[in-house]
Amino acid sequence: MKAKKPGSIPTIDTTQAQAGSLESIQLLKETMLIVFIDPKCPTPYDSEVLRTRSLGGTEASVIRVALGLSARHTVKVLQHNRTEPRVENENLEFLPISALDTAVRGADHVVFIQKAQYIDTVVRAGSARLWLWLHNFLKDEVPFFWQDHLRYKLGIVCVSQTHAAHTLRHMRSLVGYWATAGLMGRGGLLYQHNPIDEVLAPDPLVLRDPFKLVFFSSPYKGIEHVVSAFREAHLREPRLRLYIADPGYIKKCDPTLLDTPGITTLGSLPQREVLKHVREALCVFYPQRKRPETFGLVYAEANAVGTPVLAHDFGAAAEILSKRNPPMDTSQTAVVETLLDWVRNGGPSVQANPLFGTQFVVDRWLQFFAAPDRFIREQNLGS
């Protein structure tokens, strides 16, 4: 797949991409050792947590990718706050960080999640290719330790083309980038979309409530903007109700903000319960301009179950949302008018994007690990 210039959104032929996937997978070594290191997760996580508890998008993506890769390779996921190992299957373990020295010995690829902590230990233990899997934007949300990229040929994996373009712009804005003739980028830059559960689909037996709205992101992602727009809409249509759920890992929300007519707080719910509410809703109500999404599982999962998202053209929204459900870039009053039109006439008809299905995404990771330099060249992001 050839991408357009950085910042543009590629049109991907899924048939060609799947054919390329099979061709690349045939080039794989019999077995590789792939190690993920998470030095920042709020709590330990694994597939049982994904099934039974509320979980952030980063952690859910790591679990799905690791499980998928373990069908072919040996995979280890190390977490800084895990105390006991968990064996998922014969090829996948979730381990405490105390196992680092042994776990990375002989690894083919080591992927740091969000921050390349422990990189010196990893380098001493072997000759693995090193990658930083970013899930947030650089500078405003996570620091960029350019020395690691320069010294260790540390490559960068982003979660959308929008995210990759932003990351490349930030790197090129640094004096050190040009002072080193761009060598801090020699590890390469690529993107892999976050995966969503492939069973997600519209359910014709579920009746949508034209007055039910849902918000299921962390409150720090602009909940004040969402509540403000809802209040204006509620004055116009008092039957509207907004249900709010959140992953529960960031407690930065003034509870009095949600003490508003028409708002119901659900707390932290497992994904299956959140998606039950989403299926029943007219839309996911997400008109915030505070925290841009680098990918936006909130977009992809809602569209996958047939629910549109009312959101601003912000971050990766235009890349991830269905073409039938384009984001807006307008005033709060226009947002309210659009919402009331959806109440009267129904929102756009949407469904899952096959590019975000777990197996498709895992196949792309398999292609990448089989031939990382070729994969990066084909994305042609300019790194």
Protein backbone atom coordinates (compact mmCIF):
# COMPACT_ATOMS: atom_id res chain seq x y z
CA MET A 1 0.00 0.00 0.00
CA LYS A 2 1.39 3.34 -1.02
CA ALA A 3 0.36 6.25 1.16
CA LYS A 4 -0.10 9.75 -0.11
CA LYS A 5 1.82 12.66 1.29
CA PRO A 6 2.00 12.84 5.09
CA GLY A 7 -1.25 14.06 6.53
CA SER A 8 -3.42 12.77 3.70
CA ILE A 9 -5.77 9.86 4.22
CA PRO A 10 -5.03 6.84 2.02
CA THR A 11 -7.61 4.95 0.04
CA ILE A 12 -6.82 1.29 0.70
CA ASP A 13 -7.91 -1.54 -1.55
CA THR A 14 -8.67 -4.24 1.01
CA THR A 15 -8.38 -7.02 -1.60
CA GLN A 16 -4.89 -5.95 -2.58
CA ALA A 17 -3.93 -5.38 1.05
CA GLN A 18 -5.08 -8.87 2.03
CA ALA A 19 -3.18 -10.39 -0.90
CA GLY A 20 -0.08 -8.49 0.15
CA SER A 21 -0.64 -9.72 3.70
CA LEU A 22 -0.58 -13.37 2.64
CA GLU A 23 2.49 -12.82 0.48
CA SER A 24 4.38 -11.18 3.34
CA ILE A 25 3.31 -13.75 5.94
CA GLN A 26 4.87 -16.47 3.79
CA LEU A 27 8.20 -14.72 4.31
CA LEU A 28 8.03 -15.07 8.09
CA LYS A 29 10.62 -16.97 10.02
CA GLU A 30 9.18 -20.12 11.60
CA THR A 31 8.95 -18.46 14.99
CA MET A 32 9.97 -15.07 16.33
CA LEU A 33 10.12 -13.81 19.88
CA ILE A 34 8.23 -10.54 20.17
CA VAL A 35 8.26 -8.65 23.47
CA PHE A 36 6.01 -5.75 24.45
CA ILE A 37 7.02 -3.60 27.42
CA ASP A 38 4.42 -1.38 29.11
CA PRO A 39 6.01 0.96 31.68
CA LYS A 40 2.96 3.22 32.10
CA CYS A 41 -0.27 1.19 32.30
CA PRO A 42 -2.54 2.27 35.20
CA THR A 43 -3.14 -1.35 36.26
CA PRO A 44 -2.05 -4.78 34.96
CA TYR A 45 -4.19 -6.14 32.12
CA ASP A 46 -4.72 -9.32 30.12
CA SER A 47 -7.51 -10.98 28.15
CA GLU A 48 -9.59 -11.71 31.26
CA VAL A 49 -9.52 -8.02 32.16
CA LEU A 50 -10.58 -7.16 28.61
CA ARG A 51 -13.59 -9.48 28.94
CA THR A 52 -14.74 -8.52 32.41
CA ARG A 53 -13.65 -4.98 33.29
CA SER A 54 -13.39 -1.48 31.95
CA LEU A 55 -10.17 -0.91 30.01
CA GLY A 56 -8.49 1.89 28.07
CA GLY A 57 -8.01 1.74 24.33
CA THR A 58 -4.22 1.38 24.50
CA GLU A 59 -4.40 -1.66 26.74
CA ALA A 60 -7.23 -3.25 24.74
CA SER A 61 -5.18 -2.83 21.56
CA VAL A 62 -2.09 -4.42 23.11
CA ILE A 63 -4.11 -7.45 24.23
CA ARG A 64 -5.74 -8.00 20.83
CA VAL A 65 -2.49 -7.62 18.91
CA ALA A 66 -0.54 -9.84 21.31
CA LEU A 67 -3.19 -12.56 21.18
CA GLY A 68 -3.25 -12.45 17.40
CA LEU A 69 0.52 -12.59 17.04
CA SER A 70 0.72 -15.53 19.46
CA ALA A 71 -1.02 -17.74 16.91
CA ARG A 72 2.30 -17.77 15.05
CA HIS A 73 5.00 -16.38 17.34
CA THR A 74 6.13 -16.39 20.95
CA VAL A 75 4.88 -13.19 22.58
CA LYS A 76 5.60 -11.74 26.00
CA VAL A 77 3.95 -8.65 27.46
CA LEU A 78 5.77 -7.09 30.43
CA GLN A 79 3.99 -4.62 32.71
CA HIS A 80 5.62 -2.41 35.31
CA ASN A 81 2.92 -3.01 37.94
CA ARG A 82 2.19 -6.72 37.42
CA THR A 83 3.21 -8.93 40.34
CA GLU A 84 2.31 -12.40 39.09
CA PRO A 85 2.74 -13.95 35.63
CA ARG A 86 -0.28 -14.99 33.60
CA VAL A 87 -0.01 -17.62 30.88
CA GLU A 88 -2.63 -16.94 28.19
CA ASN A 89 -1.65 -19.79 25.89
CA GLU A 90 1.46 -21.77 24.98
CA ASN A 91 2.85 -18.76 23.09
CA LEU A 92 1.70 -15.78 25.16
CA GLU A 93 2.60 -14.65 28.67
CA PHE A 94 1.89 -11.48 30.62
CA LEU A 95 4.85 -10.94 32.95
CA PRO A 96 6.05 -8.59 35.71
CA ILE A 97 8.85 -6.22 34.76
CA SER A 98 11.17 -8.13 37.12
CA ALA A 99 11.37 -10.79 34.37
CA LEU A 100 12.82 -8.29 31.88
CA ASP A 101 16.39 -9.59 31.68
CA THR A 102 15.27 -13.11 30.84
CA ALA A 103 12.24 -12.20 28.74
CA VAL A 104 14.10 -10.09 26.17
CA ARG A 105 17.00 -12.50 25.71
CA GLY A 106 17.00 -13.60 22.09
CA ALA A 107 14.06 -11.37 21.13
CA ASP A 108 13.62 -10.46 17.47
CA HIS A 109 11.51 -7.38 18.19
CA VAL A 110 10.95 -5.36 21.36
CA VAL A 111 8.06 -2.91 21.35
CA PHE A 112 7.90 -0.25 24.06
CA ILE A 113 4.43 1.12 24.72
CA GLN A 114 4.33 4.92 25.03
CA LYS A 115 7.79 5.25 26.59
CA ALA A 116 11.08 3.43 25.93
CA GLN A 117 11.83 2.87 29.59
CA TYR A 118 14.35 0.09 30.36
CA ILE A 119 15.85 0.50 26.87
CA ASP A 120 19.44 0.28 28.18
CA THR A 121 18.68 -3.10 29.78
CA VAL A 122 17.07 -4.34 26.57
CA VAL A 123 20.02 -3.28 24.44
CA ARG A 124 22.47 -5.06 26.74
CA ALA A 125 20.42 -8.26 26.55
CA GLY A 126 20.49 -8.75 22.78
CA SER A 127 20.14 -7.36 19.27
CA ALA A 128 16.38 -7.04 18.82
CA ARG A 129 14.88 -4.38 16.57
CA LEU A 130 13.46 -1.71 18.85
CA TRP A 131 10.13 0.09 18.42
CA LEU A 132 8.17 2.71 20.33
CA TRP A 133 4.40 2.19 19.96
CA LEU A 134 2.88 5.61 20.55
CA HIS A 135 -0.79 6.04 21.37
CA ASN A 136 -0.73 9.76 22.12
CA PHE A 137 0.49 12.88 20.37
CA LEU A 138 4.05 13.97 21.06
CA LYS A 139 4.88 17.13 22.98
CA ASP A 140 1.49 17.99 24.44
CA GLU A 141 0.77 14.49 25.78
CA VAL A 142 3.99 12.47 25.86
CA PRO A 143 7.64 13.59 25.86
CA PHE A 144 9.96 12.74 23.00
CA PHE A 145 13.37 11.39 24.06
CA TRP A 146 15.18 11.94 20.79
CA GLN A 147 18.46 10.61 22.18
CA ASP A 148 16.99 7.09 22.33
CA HIS A 149 15.99 7.27 18.67
CA LEU A 150 19.42 8.55 17.70
CA ARG A 151 21.50 6.10 19.76
CA TYR A 152 19.47 2.92 19.39
CA LYS A 153 17.78 3.27 15.99
CA LEU A 154 14.47 3.23 17.83
CA GLY A 155 11.60 3.17 15.33
CA ILE A 156 8.14 4.61 15.91
CA VAL A 157 4.77 2.93 15.44
CA CYS A 158 1.79 5.31 15.38
CA VAL A 159 -1.90 4.37 15.39
CA SER A 160 -3.15 6.28 12.34
CA GLN A 161 -1.78 8.17 9.39
CA THR A 162 -2.96 11.38 11.04
CA HIS A 163 -0.92 10.46 14.10
CA ALA A 164 2.14 9.55 12.02
CA ALA A 165 2.01 12.86 10.12
CA HIS A 166 1.82 14.79 13.40
CA THR A 167 4.73 12.79 14.86
CA LEU A 168 6.90 13.40 11.80
CA ARG A 169 6.16 17.14 11.88
CA HIS A 170 7.13 17.28 15.54
CA MET A 171 10.39 15.42 14.96
CA ARG A 172 11.32 17.69 12.07
CA SER A 173 10.62 20.76 14.21
CA LEU A 174 13.45 19.80 16.58
CA VAL A 175 16.83 21.41 16.05
CA GLY A 176 18.46 18.06 16.76
CA TYR A 177 16.71 16.43 13.81
CA TRP A 178 18.57 18.53 11.26
CA ALA A 179 21.75 18.73 13.35
CA THR A 180 22.01 14.94 13.11
CA ALA A 181 21.10 14.90 9.40
CA GLY A 182 17.81 13.23 10.32
CA LEU A 183 19.51 10.25 11.99
CA MET A 184 17.11 10.36 14.94
CA GLY A 185 14.53 9.13 12.44
CA ARG A 186 16.62 6.29 11.03
CA GLY A 187 14.64 3.68 12.98
CA GLY A 188 11.69 4.43 10.75
CA LEU A 189 8.15 5.67 11.19
CA LEU A 190 4.96 3.75 10.41
CA TYR A 191 1.38 3.37 11.57
CA GLN A 192 -0.81 0.43 12.51
CA HIS A 193 -4.48 1.07 13.14
CA ASN A 194 -5.85 -0.02 16.49
CA PRO A 195 -7.93 -3.22 16.21
CA ILE A 196 -11.60 -3.64 17.05
CA ASP A 197 -13.42 -6.86 17.81
CA GLU A 198 -14.56 -8.41 14.53
CA VAL A 199 -17.86 -9.58 16.02
CA LEU A 200 -19.03 -5.97 16.29
CA ALA A 201 -21.83 -5.34 13.82
CA PRO A 202 -25.24 -3.67 13.69
CA ASP A 203 -27.99 -5.71 15.37
CA PRO A 204 -31.32 -5.37 13.54
CA LEU A 205 -33.14 -6.63 16.65
CA VAL A 206 -32.03 -3.66 18.77
CA LEU A 207 -34.40 -0.71 18.67
CA ARG A 208 -32.64 2.63 18.75
CA ASP A 209 -33.89 5.28 21.13
CA PRO A 210 -33.98 8.60 19.24
CA PHE A 211 -33.50 10.52 22.49
CA LYS A 212 -30.59 8.50 23.94
CA LEU A 213 -27.04 9.82 23.59
CA VAL A 214 -23.88 8.22 24.99
CA PHE A 215 -20.37 9.39 25.87
CA PHE A 216 -17.91 6.62 26.71
CA SER A 217 -14.50 8.25 26.85
CA SER A 218 -12.44 9.44 29.79
CA PRO A 219 -13.88 12.71 31.17
CA TYR A 220 -10.62 14.60 30.59
CA LYS A 221 -11.34 14.30 26.87
CA GLY A 222 -13.47 17.42 26.79
CA ILE A 223 -16.45 16.35 28.87
CA GLU A 224 -17.13 20.02 29.66
CA HIS A 225 -17.65 20.74 25.94
CA VAL A 226 -19.96 17.76 25.61
CA VAL A 227 -22.06 18.77 28.62
CA SER A 228 -22.30 22.37 27.42
CA ALA A 229 -23.63 21.28 24.02
CA PHE A 230 -26.00 18.79 25.66
CA ARG A 231 -27.45 21.44 27.94
CA GLU A 232 -28.27 23.63 24.94
CA ALA A 233 -29.83 20.68 23.11
CA HIS A 234 -31.79 19.60 26.19
CA LEU A 235 -33.37 23.04 26.46
CA ARG A 236 -34.62 22.58 22.91
CA GLU A 237 -35.66 18.93 23.34
CA PRO A 238 -36.21 17.94 27.00
CA ARG A 239 -36.64 14.26 26.12
CA LEU A 240 -32.92 13.96 25.32
CA ARG A 241 -30.80 11.95 27.75
CA LEU A 242 -27.02 11.62 27.89
CA TYR A 243 -25.47 8.46 29.41
CA ILE A 244 -21.84 8.80 30.45
CA ALA A 245 -19.41 5.93 31.03
CA ASP A 246 -15.63 6.13 31.33
CA PRO A 247 -12.65 3.77 31.64
CA GLY A 248 -12.12 4.91 35.22
CA TYR A 249 -8.36 5.37 35.12
CA ILE A 250 -8.32 9.18 35.26
CA LYS A 251 -10.27 10.91 38.00
CA LYS A 252 -10.16 14.50 36.78
CA CYS A 253 -13.79 15.43 36.50
CA ASP A 254 -15.76 17.84 38.66
CA PRO A 255 -18.80 15.73 39.66
CA THR A 256 -20.98 18.83 39.86
CA LEU A 257 -20.49 19.26 36.10
CA LEU A 258 -22.55 16.14 35.53
CA ASP A 259 -25.30 17.17 37.94
CA THR A 260 -27.40 18.32 35.00
CA PRO A 261 -30.97 17.45 33.96
CA GLY A 262 -30.98 14.61 31.48
CA ILE A 263 -27.51 13.23 32.35
CA THR A 264 -27.03 9.74 33.81
CA THR A 265 -23.58 8.55 34.93
CA LEU A 266 -22.86 4.86 34.47
CA GLY A 267 -19.37 4.71 35.98
CA SER A 268 -16.82 2.22 34.65
CA LEU A 269 -18.35 -0.62 32.66
CA PRO A 270 -16.97 -3.62 30.75
CA GLN A 271 -16.90 -3.05 27.01
CA ARG A 272 -19.87 -5.36 26.33
CA GLU A 273 -22.08 -3.28 28.63
CA VAL A 274 -20.87 0.00 27.16
CA LEU A 275 -21.58 -1.24 23.65
CA LYS A 276 -25.08 -2.33 24.70
CA HIS A 277 -25.79 1.32 25.50
CA VAL A 278 -24.12 2.43 22.26
CA ARG A 279 -26.28 0.06 20.18
CA GLU A 280 -29.43 1.50 21.74
CA ALA A 281 -28.42 5.13 21.25
CA LEU A 282 -29.18 7.62 18.51
CA CYS A 283 -25.48 8.53 18.51
CA VAL A 284 -22.26 8.81 20.43
CA PHE A 285 -22.22 12.46 21.44
CA TYR A 286 -18.61 13.64 21.30
CA PRO A 287 -18.41 17.32 20.22
CA GLN A 288 -15.22 18.24 22.10
CA ARG A 289 -12.17 20.24 21.01
CA LYS A 290 -9.91 19.59 23.98
CA ARG A 291 -8.26 16.23 23.36
CA PRO A 292 -7.75 15.05 19.78
CA GLU A 293 -7.86 11.31 19.20
CA THR A 294 -4.79 9.73 17.61
CA PHE A 295 -7.05 6.90 16.43
CA GLY A 296 -10.33 6.93 18.29
CA LEU A 297 -11.74 3.54 19.28
CA VAL A 298 -14.77 5.56 20.31
CA TYR A 299 -15.29 6.29 16.59
CA ALA A 300 -14.48 2.87 15.20
CA GLU A 301 -16.43 0.80 17.73
CA ALA A 302 -19.53 2.98 17.57
CA ASN A 303 -19.64 2.86 13.76
CA ALA A 304 -19.02 -0.90 13.88
CA VAL A 305 -22.24 -1.50 15.84
CA GLY A 306 -24.15 0.83 13.51
CA THR A 307 -24.18 3.96 15.68
CA PRO A 308 -23.03 7.30 14.25
CA VAL A 309 -20.79 9.70 16.14
CA LEU A 310 -21.40 13.42 16.36
CA ALA A 311 -17.89 14.84 16.66
CA HIS A 312 -15.73 17.71 15.48
CA ASP A 313 -13.15 17.38 12.71
CA PHE A 314 -10.38 16.99 15.24
CA GLY A 315 -7.42 14.63 15.43
CA ALA A 316 -8.00 11.42 13.45
CA ALA A 317 -11.80 11.74 13.29
CA ALA A 318 -11.94 12.19 9.49
CA GLU A 319 -9.64 9.21 8.96
CA ILE A 320 -11.50 6.80 11.25
CA LEU A 321 -15.17 7.73 11.00
CA SER A 322 -17.29 6.28 8.21
CA LYS A 323 -17.49 8.42 5.07
CA ARG A 324 -21.26 8.46 5.70
CA ASN A 325 -20.58 9.93 9.13
CA PRO A 326 -18.10 12.76 8.50
CA PRO A 327 -17.02 14.91 11.45
CA MET A 328 -18.11 18.53 11.76
CA ASP A 329 -16.05 21.66 12.22
CA THR A 330 -18.55 24.19 13.35
CA SER A 331 -20.17 26.04 16.25
CA GLN A 332 -21.99 24.56 19.22
CA THR A 333 -25.28 25.89 17.85
CA ALA A 334 -24.70 24.03 14.58
CA VAL A 335 -23.86 20.87 16.54
CA VAL A 336 -27.19 21.16 18.36
CA GLU A 337 -29.07 21.75 15.09
CA THR A 338 -27.44 18.64 13.60
CA LEU A 339 -28.34 16.59 16.66
CA LEU A 340 -31.97 17.71 16.53
CA ASP A 341 -32.09 16.85 12.83
CA TRP A 342 -30.85 13.35 13.67
CA VAL A 343 -33.56 13.10 16.37
CA ARG A 344 -36.23 13.94 13.81
CA ASN A 345 -34.87 12.05 10.80
CA GLY A 346 -32.38 9.50 12.13
CA GLY A 347 -28.60 9.74 11.89
CA PRO A 348 -26.44 8.36 9.10
CA SER A 349 -26.28 4.61 8.44
CA VAL A 350 -22.85 3.23 9.37
CA GLN A 351 -21.01 -0.06 9.80
CA ALA A 352 -17.58 -1.46 10.63
CA ASN A 353 -14.53 -0.55 8.57
CA PRO A 354 -12.84 -3.88 7.65
CA LEU A 355 -9.42 -2.25 7.92
CA PHE A 356 -9.88 -2.04 11.70
CA GLY A 357 -10.88 -5.69 12.24
CA THR A 358 -8.52 -7.50 14.59
CA GLN A 359 -7.39 -10.15 12.10
CA PHE A 360 -6.68 -7.60 9.38
CA VAL A 361 -4.67 -5.46 11.82
CA VAL A 362 -2.77 -8.49 13.17
CA ASP A 363 -1.91 -9.52 9.59
CA ARG A 364 -0.46 -6.05 9.07
CA TRP A 365 1.66 -6.49 12.20
CA LEU A 366 2.83 -9.86 10.88
CA GLN A 367 3.84 -8.23 7.60
CA PHE A 368 5.68 -5.52 9.49
CA PHE A 369 7.62 -7.87 11.76
CA ALA A 370 8.50 -10.12 8.79
CA ALA A 371 10.06 -7.28 6.79
CA PRO A 372 10.01 -4.00 8.74
CA ASP A 373 12.14 -1.96 6.35
CA ARG A 374 10.04 -2.95 3.35
CA PHE A 375 6.82 -2.26 5.26
CA ILE A 376 8.05 1.23 6.16
CA ARG A 377 9.14 1.94 2.58
CA GLU A 378 5.73 0.94 1.26
CA GLN A 379 3.92 3.25 3.65
CA ASN A 380 6.18 6.04 2.36
CA LEU A 381 5.47 8.50 5.18
CA GLY A 382 8.67 10.42 4.63
CA SER A 383 10.61 9.36 7.72
